[in-house]
Each structure stands twice: as C-alpha cells, then as structure tokens.
Amino acid sequence: SLRLSCAASGRTFSRYAMGWFRQAPGKEREFVAAVTWRTGTSYY
C-alpha cells in the first residue's frame, strides 16, 4: 500500500474537483480517480 498526498495552495481550493491521473512509460495518461467539490462524490 501507498498513500499519495496532493497539497494545494489557493483560498478557493474547495470550489475545485480534484482528480488523480497516471502515466506509465510508453502509455497515454489515464484517469485514476476524482472527487467533486460540491457533493464529495468519488469516481474511479
């Protein structure tokens, strides 16, 4: 297991949806997960 963190600067952070993406060598960038700011809904 690993736990990744993403620290954001800016006073309007809560108005943004946040996502995680990944890119492996020779591969295209792909969606991993996201969480919305409005409802806190998660997508994977």
ModelCIF file with pLDDT and N, C-alpha, C, O atoms, coordinates in Angstrom:
data_MODEL
#
_entry.id   MODEL 
#
_entity.id                         1 
_entity.type                       polymer 
_entity.pdbx_number_of_molecules   1 
#
_entity_poly.entity_id                      1 
_entity_poly.type                           'polypeptide(L)' 
_entity_poly.nstd_linkage                   no 
_entity_poly.nstd_monomer                   no 
_entity_poly.pdbx_seq_one_letter_code       SLRLSCAASGRTFSRYAMGWFRQAPGKEREFVAAVTWRTGTSYY 
_entity_poly.pdbx_seq_one_letter_code_can   SLRLSCAASGRTFSRYAMGWFRQAPGKEREFVAAVTWRTGTSYY 
_entity_poly.pdbx_strand_id                 A 
#
loop_
_entity_poly_seq.entity_id 
_entity_poly_seq.num 
_entity_poly_seq.mon_id 
_entity_poly_seq.hetero 
1 1  SER n 
1 2  LEU n 
1 3  ARG n 
1 4  LEU n 
1 5  SER n 
1 6  CYS n 
1 7  ALA n 
1 8  ALA n 
1 9  SER n 
1 10 GLY n 
1 11 ARG n 
1 12 THR n 
1 13 PHE n 
1 14 SER n 
1 15 ARG n 
1 16 TYR n 
1 17 ALA n 
1 18 MET n 
1 19 GLY n 
1 20 TRP n 
1 21 PHE n 
1 22 ARG n 
1 23 GLN n 
1 24 ALA n 
1 25 PRO n 
1 26 GLY n 
1 27 LYS n 
1 28 GLU n 
1 29 ARG n 
1 30 GLU n 
1 31 PHE n 
1 32 VAL n 
1 33 ALA n 
1 34 ALA n 
1 35 VAL n 
1 36 THR n 
1 37 TRP n 
1 38 ARG n 
1 39 THR n 
1 40 GLY n 
1 41 THR n 
1 42 SER n 
1 43 TYR n 
1 44 TYR n 
#
_struct_asym.id          A 
_struct_asym.entity_id   1 
#
loop_
_ma_qa_metric.id 
_ma_qa_metric.mode 
_ma_qa_metric.name 
_ma_qa_metric.software_group_id 
_ma_qa_metric.type 
1 global pLDDT . pLDDT 
2 local  pLDDT . pLDDT 
#
_ma_qa_metric_global.metric_id      1 
_ma_qa_metric_global.metric_value   90.50 
_ma_qa_metric_global.model_id       1 
_ma_qa_metric_global.ordinal_id     1 
#
loop_
_ma_qa_metric_local.label_asym_id 
_ma_qa_metric_local.label_comp_id 
_ma_qa_metric_local.label_seq_id 
_ma_qa_metric_local.metric_id 
_ma_qa_metric_local.metric_value 
_ma_qa_metric_local.model_id 
_ma_qa_metric_local.ordinal_id 
A SER 1  2 98.00 1 1  
A LEU 2  2 98.00 1 2  
A ARG 3  2 98.00 1 3  
A LEU 4  2 98.00 1 4  
A SER 5  2 98.00 1 5  
A CYS 6  2 96.00 1 6  
A ALA 7  2 94.00 1 7  
A ALA 8  2 90.00 1 8  
A SER 9  2 88.00 1 9  
A GLY 10 2 74.00 1 10 
A ARG 11 2 65.00 1 11 
A THR 12 2 64.00 1 12 
A PHE 13 2 68.00 1 13 
A SER 14 2 70.00 1 14 
A ARG 15 2 81.00 1 15 
A TYR 16 2 85.00 1 16 
A ALA 17 2 91.00 1 17 
A MET 18 2 93.00 1 18 
A GLY 19 2 96.00 1 19 
A TRP 20 2 98.00 1 20 
A PHE 21 2 98.00 1 21 
A ARG 22 2 98.00 1 22 
A GLN 23 2 97.00 1 23 
A ALA 24 2 97.00 1 24 
A PRO 25 2 92.00 1 25 
A GLY 26 2 94.00 1 26 
A LYS 27 2 94.00 1 27 
A GLU 28 2 94.00 1 28 
A ARG 29 2 95.00 1 29 
A GLU 30 2 96.00 1 30 
A PHE 31 2 97.00 1 31 
A VAL 32 2 98.00 1 32 
A ALA 33 2 98.00 1 33 
A ALA 34 2 97.00 1 34 
A VAL 35 2 94.00 1 35 
A THR 36 2 89.00 1 36 
A TRP 37 2 82.00 1 37 
A ARG 38 2 78.00 1 38 
A THR 39 2 83.00 1 39 
A GLY 40 2 86.00 1 40 
A THR 41 2 92.00 1 41 
A SER 42 2 96.00 1 42 
A TYR 43 2 96.00 1 43 
A TYR 44 2 98.00 1 44 
#
loop_
_atom_site.group_PDB 
_atom_site.id 
_atom_site.type_symbol 
_atom_site.label_atom_id 
_atom_site.label_alt_id 
_atom_site.label_comp_id 
_atom_site.label_asym_id 
_atom_site.label_entity_id 
_atom_site.label_seq_id 
_atom_site.pdbx_PDB_ins_code 
_atom_site.Cartn_x 
_atom_site.Cartn_y 
_atom_site.Cartn_z 
_atom_site.occupancy 
_atom_site.B_iso_or_equiv 
_atom_site.pdbx_formal_charge 
_atom_site.auth_seq_id 
_atom_site.auth_comp_id 
_atom_site.auth_asym_id 
_atom_site.auth_atom_id 
_atom_site.pdbx_PDB_model_num 
ATOM 1   N N  . SER A 1 1  ? 0.821   -1.202 0.000   1.00 98.00 ? 1  SER A N  1 
ATOM 2   C CA . SER A 1 1  ? 0.000   0.000  0.000   1.00 98.00 ? 1  SER A CA 1 
ATOM 3   C C  . SER A 1 1  ? 0.856   1.254  0.000   1.00 98.00 ? 1  SER A C  1 
ATOM 4   O O  . SER A 1 1  ? 1.979   1.260  0.505   1.00 98.00 ? 1  SER A O  1 
ATOM 5   N N  . LEU A 1 2  ? 0.310   2.309  -0.572  1.00 98.00 ? 2  LEU A N  1 
ATOM 6   C CA . LEU A 1 2  ? 0.893   3.637  -0.523  1.00 98.00 ? 2  LEU A CA 1 
ATOM 7   C C  . LEU A 1 2  ? -0.226  4.650  -0.392  1.00 98.00 ? 2  LEU A C  1 
ATOM 8   O O  . LEU A 1 2  ? -1.348  4.416  -0.840  1.00 98.00 ? 2  LEU A O  1 
ATOM 9   N N  . ARG A 1 3  ? 0.088   5.771  0.223   1.00 98.00 ? 3  ARG A N  1 
ATOM 10  C CA . ARG A 1 3  ? -0.853  6.877  0.328   1.00 98.00 ? 3  ARG A CA 1 
ATOM 11  C C  . ARG A 1 3  ? -0.227  8.117  -0.287  1.00 98.00 ? 3  ARG A C  1 
ATOM 12  O O  . ARG A 1 3  ? 0.773   8.633  0.213   1.00 98.00 ? 3  ARG A O  1 
ATOM 13  N N  . LEU A 1 4  ? -0.814  8.586  -1.360  1.00 98.00 ? 4  LEU A N  1 
ATOM 14  C CA . LEU A 1 4  ? -0.347  9.787  -2.019  1.00 98.00 ? 4  LEU A CA 1 
ATOM 15  C C  . LEU A 1 4  ? -1.085  11.003 -1.476  1.00 98.00 ? 4  LEU A C  1 
ATOM 16  O O  . LEU A 1 4  ? -2.267  10.927 -1.139  1.00 98.00 ? 4  LEU A O  1 
ATOM 17  N N  . SER A 1 5  ? -0.379  12.114 -1.397  1.00 98.00 ? 5  SER A N  1 
ATOM 18  C CA . SER A 1 5  ? -0.975  13.363 -0.971  1.00 98.00 ? 5  SER A CA 1 
ATOM 19  C C  . SER A 1 5  ? -0.761  14.420 -2.031  1.00 98.00 ? 5  SER A C  1 
ATOM 20  O O  . SER A 1 5  ? 0.240   14.402 -2.747  1.00 98.00 ? 5  SER A O  1 
ATOM 21  N N  . CYS A 1 6  ? -1.695  15.332 -2.129  1.00 96.00 ? 6  CYS A N  1 
ATOM 22  C CA . CYS A 1 6  ? -1.586  16.460 -3.045  1.00 96.00 ? 6  CYS A CA 1 
ATOM 23  C C  . CYS A 1 6  ? -1.963  17.709 -2.278  1.00 96.00 ? 6  CYS A C  1 
ATOM 24  O O  . CYS A 1 6  ? -3.127  17.913 -1.934  1.00 96.00 ? 6  CYS A O  1 
ATOM 25  N N  . ALA A 1 7  ? -0.975  18.542 -2.012  1.00 94.00 ? 7  ALA A N  1 
ATOM 26  C CA . ALA A 1 7  ? -1.195  19.782 -1.285  1.00 94.00 ? 7  ALA A CA 1 
ATOM 27  C C  . ALA A 1 7  ? -1.451  20.911 -2.262  1.00 94.00 ? 7  ALA A C  1 
ATOM 28  O O  . ALA A 1 7  ? -0.698  21.100 -3.217  1.00 94.00 ? 7  ALA A O  1 
ATOM 29  N N  . ALA A 1 8  ? -2.508  21.657 -2.021  1.00 90.00 ? 8  ALA A N  1 
ATOM 30  C CA . ALA A 1 8  ? -2.906  22.741 -2.907  1.00 90.00 ? 8  ALA A CA 1 
ATOM 31  C C  . ALA A 1 8  ? -2.802  24.082 -2.205  1.00 90.00 ? 8  ALA A C  1 
ATOM 32  O O  . ALA A 1 8  ? -3.141  24.213 -1.029  1.00 90.00 ? 8  ALA A O  1 
ATOM 33  N N  . SER A 1 9  ? -2.335  25.063 -2.935  1.00 88.00 ? 9  SER A N  1 
ATOM 34  C CA . SER A 1 9  ? -2.341  26.435 -2.455  1.00 88.00 ? 9  SER A CA 1 
ATOM 35  C C  . SER A 1 9  ? -3.448  27.198 -3.153  1.00 88.00 ? 9  SER A C  1 
ATOM 36  O O  . SER A 1 9  ? -3.772  26.927 -4.309  1.00 88.00 ? 9  SER A O  1 
ATOM 37  N N  . GLY A 1 10 ? -4.023  28.150 -2.446  1.00 74.00 ? 10 GLY A N  1 
ATOM 38  C CA . GLY A 1 10 ? -5.116  28.921 -3.003  1.00 74.00 ? 10 GLY A CA 1 
ATOM 39  C C  . GLY A 1 10 ? -6.340  28.862 -2.111  1.00 74.00 ? 10 GLY A C  1 
ATOM 40  O O  . GLY A 1 10 ? -6.727  27.788 -1.653  1.00 74.00 ? 10 GLY A O  1 
ATOM 41  N N  . ARG A 1 11 ? -6.936  29.981 -1.868  1.00 65.00 ? 11 ARG A N  1 
ATOM 42  C CA . ARG A 1 11 ? -8.046  30.061 -0.927  1.00 65.00 ? 11 ARG A CA 1 
ATOM 43  C C  . ARG A 1 11 ? -9.355  29.532 -1.494  1.00 65.00 ? 11 ARG A C  1 
ATOM 44  O O  . ARG A 1 11 ? -10.325 29.381 -0.751  1.00 65.00 ? 11 ARG A O  1 
ATOM 45  N N  . THR A 1 12 ? -9.409  29.245 -2.800  1.00 64.00 ? 12 THR A N  1 
ATOM 46  C CA . THR A 1 12 ? -10.618 28.722 -3.422  1.00 64.00 ? 12 THR A CA 1 
ATOM 47  C C  . THR A 1 12 ? -10.531 27.225 -3.708  1.00 64.00 ? 12 THR A C  1 
ATOM 48  O O  . THR A 1 12 ? -11.255 26.712 -4.562  1.00 64.00 ? 12 THR A O  1 
ATOM 49  N N  . PHE A 1 13 ? -9.654  26.529 -3.001  1.00 68.00 ? 13 PHE A N  1 
ATOM 50  C CA . PHE A 1 13 ? -9.459  25.105 -3.203  1.00 68.00 ? 13 PHE A CA 1 
ATOM 51  C C  . PHE A 1 13 ? -10.764 24.321 -3.156  1.00 68.00 ? 13 PHE A C  1 
ATOM 52  O O  . PHE A 1 13 ? -10.963 23.414 -3.965  1.00 68.00 ? 13 PHE A O  1 
ATOM 53  N N  . SER A 1 14 ? -11.649 24.648 -2.233  1.00 70.00 ? 14 SER A N  1 
ATOM 54  C CA . SER A 1 14 ? -12.870 23.880 -2.032  1.00 70.00 ? 14 SER A CA 1 
ATOM 55  C C  . SER A 1 14 ? -13.833 23.951 -3.211  1.00 70.00 ? 14 SER A C  1 
ATOM 56  O O  . SER A 1 14 ? -14.771 23.156 -3.277  1.00 70.00 ? 14 SER A O  1 
ATOM 57  N N  . ARG A 1 15 ? -13.630 24.871 -4.134  1.00 81.00 ? 15 ARG A N  1 
ATOM 58  C CA . ARG A 1 15 ? -14.509 25.005 -5.289  1.00 81.00 ? 15 ARG A CA 1 
ATOM 59  C C  . ARG A 1 15 ? -14.065 24.148 -6.464  1.00 81.00 ? 15 ARG A C  1 
ATOM 60  O O  . ARG A 1 15 ? -14.719 24.151 -7.507  1.00 81.00 ? 15 ARG A O  1 
ATOM 61  N N  . TYR A 1 16 ? -12.981 23.425 -6.319  1.00 85.00 ? 16 TYR A N  1 
ATOM 62  C CA . TYR A 1 16 ? -12.446 22.597 -7.396  1.00 85.00 ? 16 TYR A CA 1 
ATOM 63  C C  . TYR A 1 16 ? -12.716 21.130 -7.131  1.00 85.00 ? 16 TYR A C  1 
ATOM 64  O O  . TYR A 1 16 ? -12.601 20.658 -5.999  1.00 85.00 ? 16 TYR A O  1 
ATOM 65  N N  . ALA A 1 17 ? -13.078 20.410 -8.188  1.00 91.00 ? 17 ALA A N  1 
ATOM 66  C CA . ALA A 1 17 ? -12.994 18.965 -8.148  1.00 91.00 ? 17 ALA A CA 1 
ATOM 67  C C  . ALA A 1 17 ? -11.528 18.572 -8.279  1.00 91.00 ? 17 ALA A C  1 
ATOM 68  O O  . ALA A 1 17 ? -10.761 19.233 -8.979  1.00 91.00 ? 17 ALA A O  1 
ATOM 69  N N  . MET A 1 18 ? -11.146 17.506 -7.609  1.00 93.00 ? 18 MET A N  1 
ATOM 70  C CA . MET A 1 18 ? -9.762  17.057 -7.625  1.00 93.00 ? 18 MET A CA 1 
ATOM 71  C C  . MET A 1 18 ? -9.677  15.668 -8.224  1.00 93.00 ? 18 MET A C  1 
ATOM 72  O O  . MET A 1 18 ? -10.504 14.803 -7.936  1.00 93.00 ? 18 MET A O  1 
ATOM 73  N N  . GLY A 1 19 ? -8.675  15.463 -9.056  1.00 96.00 ? 19 GLY A N  1 
ATOM 74  C CA . GLY A 1 19 ? -8.510  14.182 -9.708  1.00 96.00 ? 19 GLY A CA 1 
ATOM 75  C C  . GLY A 1 19 ? -7.087  13.672 -9.615  1.00 96.00 ? 19 GLY A C  1 
ATOM 76  O O  . GLY A 1 19 ? -6.144  14.436 -9.411  1.00 96.00 ? 19 GLY A O  1 
ATOM 77  N N  . TRP A 1 20 ? -6.954  12.369 -9.769  1.00 98.00 ? 20 TRP A N  1 
ATOM 78  C CA . TRP A 1 20 ? -5.661  11.712 -9.885  1.00 98.00 ? 20 TRP A CA 1 
ATOM 79  C C  . TRP A 1 20 ? -5.582  11.033 -11.244 1.00 98.00 ? 20 TRP A C  1 
ATOM 80  O O  . TRP A 1 20 ? -6.520  10.358 -11.670 1.00 98.00 ? 20 TRP A O  1 
ATOM 81  N N  . PHE A 1 21 ? -4.461  11.218 -11.915 1.00 98.00 ? 21 PHE A N  1 
ATOM 82  C CA . PHE A 1 21 ? -4.175  10.583 -13.186 1.00 98.00 ? 21 PHE A CA 1 
ATOM 83  C C  . PHE A 1 21 ? -2.814  9.921  -13.089 1.00 98.00 ? 21 PHE A C  1 
ATOM 84  O O  . PHE A 1 21 ? -2.030  10.229 -12.191 1.00 98.00 ? 21 PHE A O  1 
ATOM 85  N N  . ARG A 1 22 ? -2.534  9.018  -14.004 1.00 98.00 ? 22 ARG A N  1 
ATOM 86  C CA . ARG A 1 22 ? -1.226  8.375  -14.008 1.00 98.00 ? 22 ARG A CA 1 
ATOM 87  C C  . ARG A 1 22 ? -0.767  8.136  -15.437 1.00 98.00 ? 22 ARG A C  1 
ATOM 88  O O  . ARG A 1 22 ? -1.573  8.023  -16.360 1.00 98.00 ? 22 ARG A O  1 
ATOM 89  N N  . GLN A 1 23 ? 0.544   8.064  -15.592 1.00 97.00 ? 23 GLN A N  1 
ATOM 90  C CA . GLN A 1 23 ? 1.127   7.818  -16.897 1.00 97.00 ? 23 GLN A CA 1 
ATOM 91  C C  . GLN A 1 23 ? 2.347   6.922  -16.739 1.00 97.00 ? 23 GLN A C  1 
ATOM 92  O O  . GLN A 1 23 ? 3.300   7.266  -16.040 1.00 97.00 ? 23 GLN A O  1 
ATOM 93  N N  . ALA A 1 24 ? 2.305   5.777  -17.394 1.00 97.00 ? 24 ALA A N  1 
ATOM 94  C CA . ALA A 1 24 ? 3.407   4.836  -17.392 1.00 97.00 ? 24 ALA A CA 1 
ATOM 95  C C  . ALA A 1 24 ? 4.243   5.036  -18.651 1.00 97.00 ? 24 ALA A C  1 
ATOM 96  O O  . ALA A 1 24 ? 3.742   5.569  -19.641 1.00 97.00 ? 24 ALA A O  1 
ATOM 97  N N  . PRO A 1 25 ? 5.515   4.614  -18.630 1.00 92.00 ? 25 PRO A N  1 
ATOM 98  C CA . PRO A 1 25 ? 6.355   4.751  -19.821 1.00 92.00 ? 25 PRO A CA 1 
ATOM 99  C C  . PRO A 1 25 ? 5.725   4.090  -21.039 1.00 92.00 ? 25 PRO A C  1 
ATOM 100 O O  . PRO A 1 25 ? 5.303   2.935  -20.975 1.00 92.00 ? 25 PRO A O  1 
ATOM 101 N N  . GLY A 1 26 ? 5.661   4.815  -22.144 1.00 94.00 ? 26 GLY A N  1 
ATOM 102 C CA . GLY A 1 26 ? 5.091   4.292  -23.364 1.00 94.00 ? 26 GLY A CA 1 
ATOM 103 C C  . GLY A 1 26 ? 3.583   4.242  -23.387 1.00 94.00 ? 26 GLY A C  1 
ATOM 104 O O  . GLY A 1 26 ? 2.997   3.756  -24.355 1.00 94.00 ? 26 GLY A O  1 
ATOM 105 N N  . LYS A 1 27 ? 2.939   4.733  -22.343 1.00 94.00 ? 27 LYS A N  1 
ATOM 106 C CA . LYS A 1 27 ? 1.486   4.714  -22.243 1.00 94.00 ? 27 LYS A CA 1 
ATOM 107 C C  . LYS A 1 27 ? 0.933   6.133  -22.228 1.00 94.00 ? 27 LYS A C  1 
ATOM 108 O O  . LYS A 1 27 ? 1.638   7.089  -21.905 1.00 94.00 ? 27 LYS A O  1 
ATOM 109 N N  . GLU A 1 28 ? -0.336  6.248  -22.583 1.00 94.00 ? 28 GLU A N  1 
ATOM 110 C CA . GLU A 1 28 ? -1.013  7.529  -22.505 1.00 94.00 ? 28 GLU A CA 1 
ATOM 111 C C  . GLU A 1 28 ? -1.466  7.798  -21.074 1.00 94.00 ? 28 GLU A C  1 
ATOM 112 O O  . GLU A 1 28 ? -1.677  6.874  -20.289 1.00 94.00 ? 28 GLU A O  1 
ATOM 113 N N  . ARG A 1 29 ? -1.610  9.069  -20.754 1.00 95.00 ? 29 ARG A N  1 
ATOM 114 C CA . ARG A 1 29 ? -2.121  9.446  -19.446 1.00 95.00 ? 29 ARG A CA 1 
ATOM 115 C C  . ARG A 1 29 ? -3.536  8.918  -19.265 1.00 95.00 ? 29 ARG A C  1 
ATOM 116 O O  . ARG A 1 29 ? -4.362  9.034  -20.171 1.00 95.00 ? 29 ARG A O  1 
ATOM 117 N N  . GLU A 1 30 ? -3.824  8.335  -18.101 1.00 96.00 ? 30 GLU A N  1 
ATOM 118 C CA . GLU A 1 30 ? -5.132  7.761  -17.862 1.00 96.00 ? 30 GLU A CA 1 
ATOM 119 C C  . GLU A 1 30 ? -5.728  8.238  -16.543 1.00 96.00 ? 30 GLU A C  1 
ATOM 120 O O  . GLU A 1 30 ? -5.017  8.545  -15.586 1.00 96.00 ? 30 GLU A O  1 
ATOM 121 N N  . PHE A 1 31 ? -7.036  8.290  -16.526 1.00 97.00 ? 31 PHE A N  1 
ATOM 122 C CA . PHE A 1 31 ? -7.781  8.671  -15.342 1.00 97.00 ? 31 PHE A CA 1 
ATOM 123 C C  . PHE A 1 31 ? -7.691  7.586  -14.285 1.00 97.00 ? 31 PHE A C  1 
ATOM 124 O O  . PHE A 1 31 ? -7.761  6.398  -14.600 1.00 97.00 ? 31 PHE A O  1 
ATOM 125 N N  . VAL A 1 32 ? -7.536  7.991  -13.028 1.00 98.00 ? 32 VAL A N  1 
ATOM 126 C CA . VAL A 1 32 ? -7.489  7.056  -11.911 1.00 98.00 ? 32 VAL A CA 1 
ATOM 127 C C  . VAL A 1 32 ? -8.679  7.255  -10.973 1.00 98.00 ? 32 VAL A C  1 
ATOM 128 O O  . VAL A 1 32 ? -9.436  6.320  -10.713 1.00 98.00 ? 32 VAL A O  1 
ATOM 129 N N  . ALA A 1 33 ? -8.838  8.472  -10.469 1.00 98.00 ? 33 ALA A N  1 
ATOM 130 C CA . ALA A 1 33 ? -9.904  8.753  -9.512  1.00 98.00 ? 33 ALA A CA 1 
ATOM 131 C C  . ALA A 1 33 ? -10.143 10.246 -9.445  1.00 98.00 ? 33 ALA A C  1 
ATOM 132 O O  . ALA A 1 33 ? -9.273  11.038 -9.806  1.00 98.00 ? 33 ALA A O  1 
ATOM 133 N N  . ALA A 1 34 ? -11.330 10.635 -8.982  1.00 97.00 ? 34 ALA A N  1 
ATOM 134 C CA . ALA A 1 34 ? -11.652 12.043 -8.800  1.00 97.00 ? 34 ALA A CA 1 
ATOM 135 C C  . ALA A 1 34 ? -12.697 12.181 -7.710  1.00 97.00 ? 34 ALA A C  1 
ATOM 136 O O  . ALA A 1 34 ? -13.450 11.246 -7.440  1.00 97.00 ? 34 ALA A O  1 
ATOM 137 N N  . VAL A 1 35 ? -12.742 13.346 -7.085  1.00 94.00 ? 35 VAL A N  1 
ATOM 138 C CA . VAL A 1 35 ? -13.751 13.668 -6.080  1.00 94.00 ? 35 VAL A CA 1 
ATOM 139 C C  . VAL A 1 35 ? -14.240 15.078 -6.335  1.00 94.00 ? 35 VAL A C  1 
ATOM 140 O O  . VAL A 1 35 ? -13.437 15.995 -6.510  1.00 94.00 ? 35 VAL A O  1 
ATOM 141 N N  . THR A 1 36 ? -15.559 15.259 -6.359  1.00 89.00 ? 36 THR A N  1 
ATOM 142 C CA . THR A 1 36 ? -16.132 16.570 -6.649  1.00 89.00 ? 36 THR A CA 1 
ATOM 143 C C  . THR A 1 36 ? -16.101 17.467 -5.423  1.00 89.00 ? 36 THR A C  1 
ATOM 144 O O  . THR A 1 36 ? -16.016 16.988 -4.292  1.00 89.00 ? 36 THR A O  1 
ATOM 145 N N  . TRP A 1 37 ? -16.171 18.765 -5.656  1.00 82.00 ? 37 TRP A N  1 
ATOM 146 C CA . TRP A 1 37 ? -16.185 19.714 -4.538  1.00 82.00 ? 37 TRP A CA 1 
ATOM 147 C C  . TRP A 1 37 ? -17.588 19.930 -4.000  1.00 82.00 ? 37 TRP A C  1 
ATOM 148 O O  . TRP A 1 37 ? -17.760 20.214 -2.815  1.00 82.00 ? 37 TRP A O  1 
ATOM 149 N N  . ARG A 1 38 ? -18.599 19.797 -4.863  1.00 78.00 ? 38 ARG A N  1 
ATOM 150 C CA . ARG A 1 38 ? -19.962 20.122 -4.462  1.00 78.00 ? 38 ARG A CA 1 
ATOM 151 C C  . ARG A 1 38 ? -20.575 19.056 -3.566  1.00 78.00 ? 38 ARG A C  1 
ATOM 152 O O  . ARG A 1 38 ? -21.121 19.373 -2.509  1.00 78.00 ? 38 ARG A O  1 
ATOM 153 N N  . THR A 1 39 ? -20.490 17.805 -3.976  1.00 83.00 ? 39 THR A N  1 
ATOM 154 C CA . THR A 1 39 ? -21.136 16.713 -3.255  1.00 83.00 ? 39 THR A CA 1 
ATOM 155 C C  . THR A 1 39 ? -20.157 15.744 -2.612  1.00 83.00 ? 39 THR A C  1 
ATOM 156 O O  . THR A 1 39 ? -20.561 14.907 -1.805  1.00 83.00 ? 39 THR A O  1 
ATOM 157 N N  . GLY A 1 40 ? -18.890 15.842 -2.950  1.00 86.00 ? 40 GLY A N  1 
ATOM 158 C CA . GLY A 1 40 ? -17.920 14.893 -2.453  1.00 86.00 ? 40 GLY A CA 1 
ATOM 159 C C  . GLY A 1 40 ? -18.039 13.531 -3.100  1.00 86.00 ? 40 GLY A C  1 
ATOM 160 O O  . GLY A 1 40 ? -17.546 12.541 -2.558  1.00 86.00 ? 40 GLY A O  1 
ATOM 161 N N  . THR A 1 41 ? -18.686 13.467 -4.249  1.00 92.00 ? 41 THR A N  1 
ATOM 162 C CA . THR A 1 41 ? -18.846 12.208 -4.964  1.00 92.00 ? 41 THR A CA 1 
ATOM 163 C C  . THR A 1 41 ? -17.519 11.753 -5.549  1.00 92.00 ? 41 THR A C  1 
ATOM 164 O O  . THR A 1 41 ? -16.778 12.550 -6.125  1.00 92.00 ? 41 THR A O  1 
ATOM 165 N N  . SER A 1 42 ? -17.225 10.477 -5.399  1.00 96.00 ? 42 SER A N  1 
ATOM 166 C CA . SER A 1 42 ? -15.983 9.907  -5.898  1.00 96.00 ? 42 SER A CA 1 
ATOM 167 C C  . SER A 1 42 ? -16.217 9.096  -7.165  1.00 96.00 ? 42 SER A C  1 
ATOM 168 O O  . SER A 1 42 ? -17.262 8.466  -7.331  1.00 96.00 ? 42 SER A O  1 
ATOM 169 N N  . TYR A 1 43 ? -15.232 9.119  -8.051  1.00 96.00 ? 43 TYR A N  1 
ATOM 170 C CA . TYR A 1 43 ? -15.261 8.356  -9.289  1.00 96.00 ? 43 TYR A CA 1 
ATOM 171 C C  . TYR A 1 43 ? -13.942 7.617  -9.418  1.00 96.00 ? 43 TYR A C  1 
ATOM 172 O O  . TYR A 1 43 ? -12.890 8.132  -9.039  1.00 96.00 ? 43 TYR A O  1 
ATOM 173 N N  . TYR A 1 44 ? -14.007 6.398  -9.959  1.00 98.00 ? 44 TYR A N  1 
ATOM 174 C CA . TYR A 1 44 ? -12.817 5.572  -10.089 1.00 98.00 ? 44 TYR A CA 1 
ATOM 175 C C  . TYR A 1 44 ? -12.760 4.888  -11.442 1.00 98.00 ? 44 TYR A C  1 
ATOM 176 O O  . TYR A 1 44 ? -11.817 4.148  -11.721 1.00 98.00 ? 44 TYR A O  1 
#
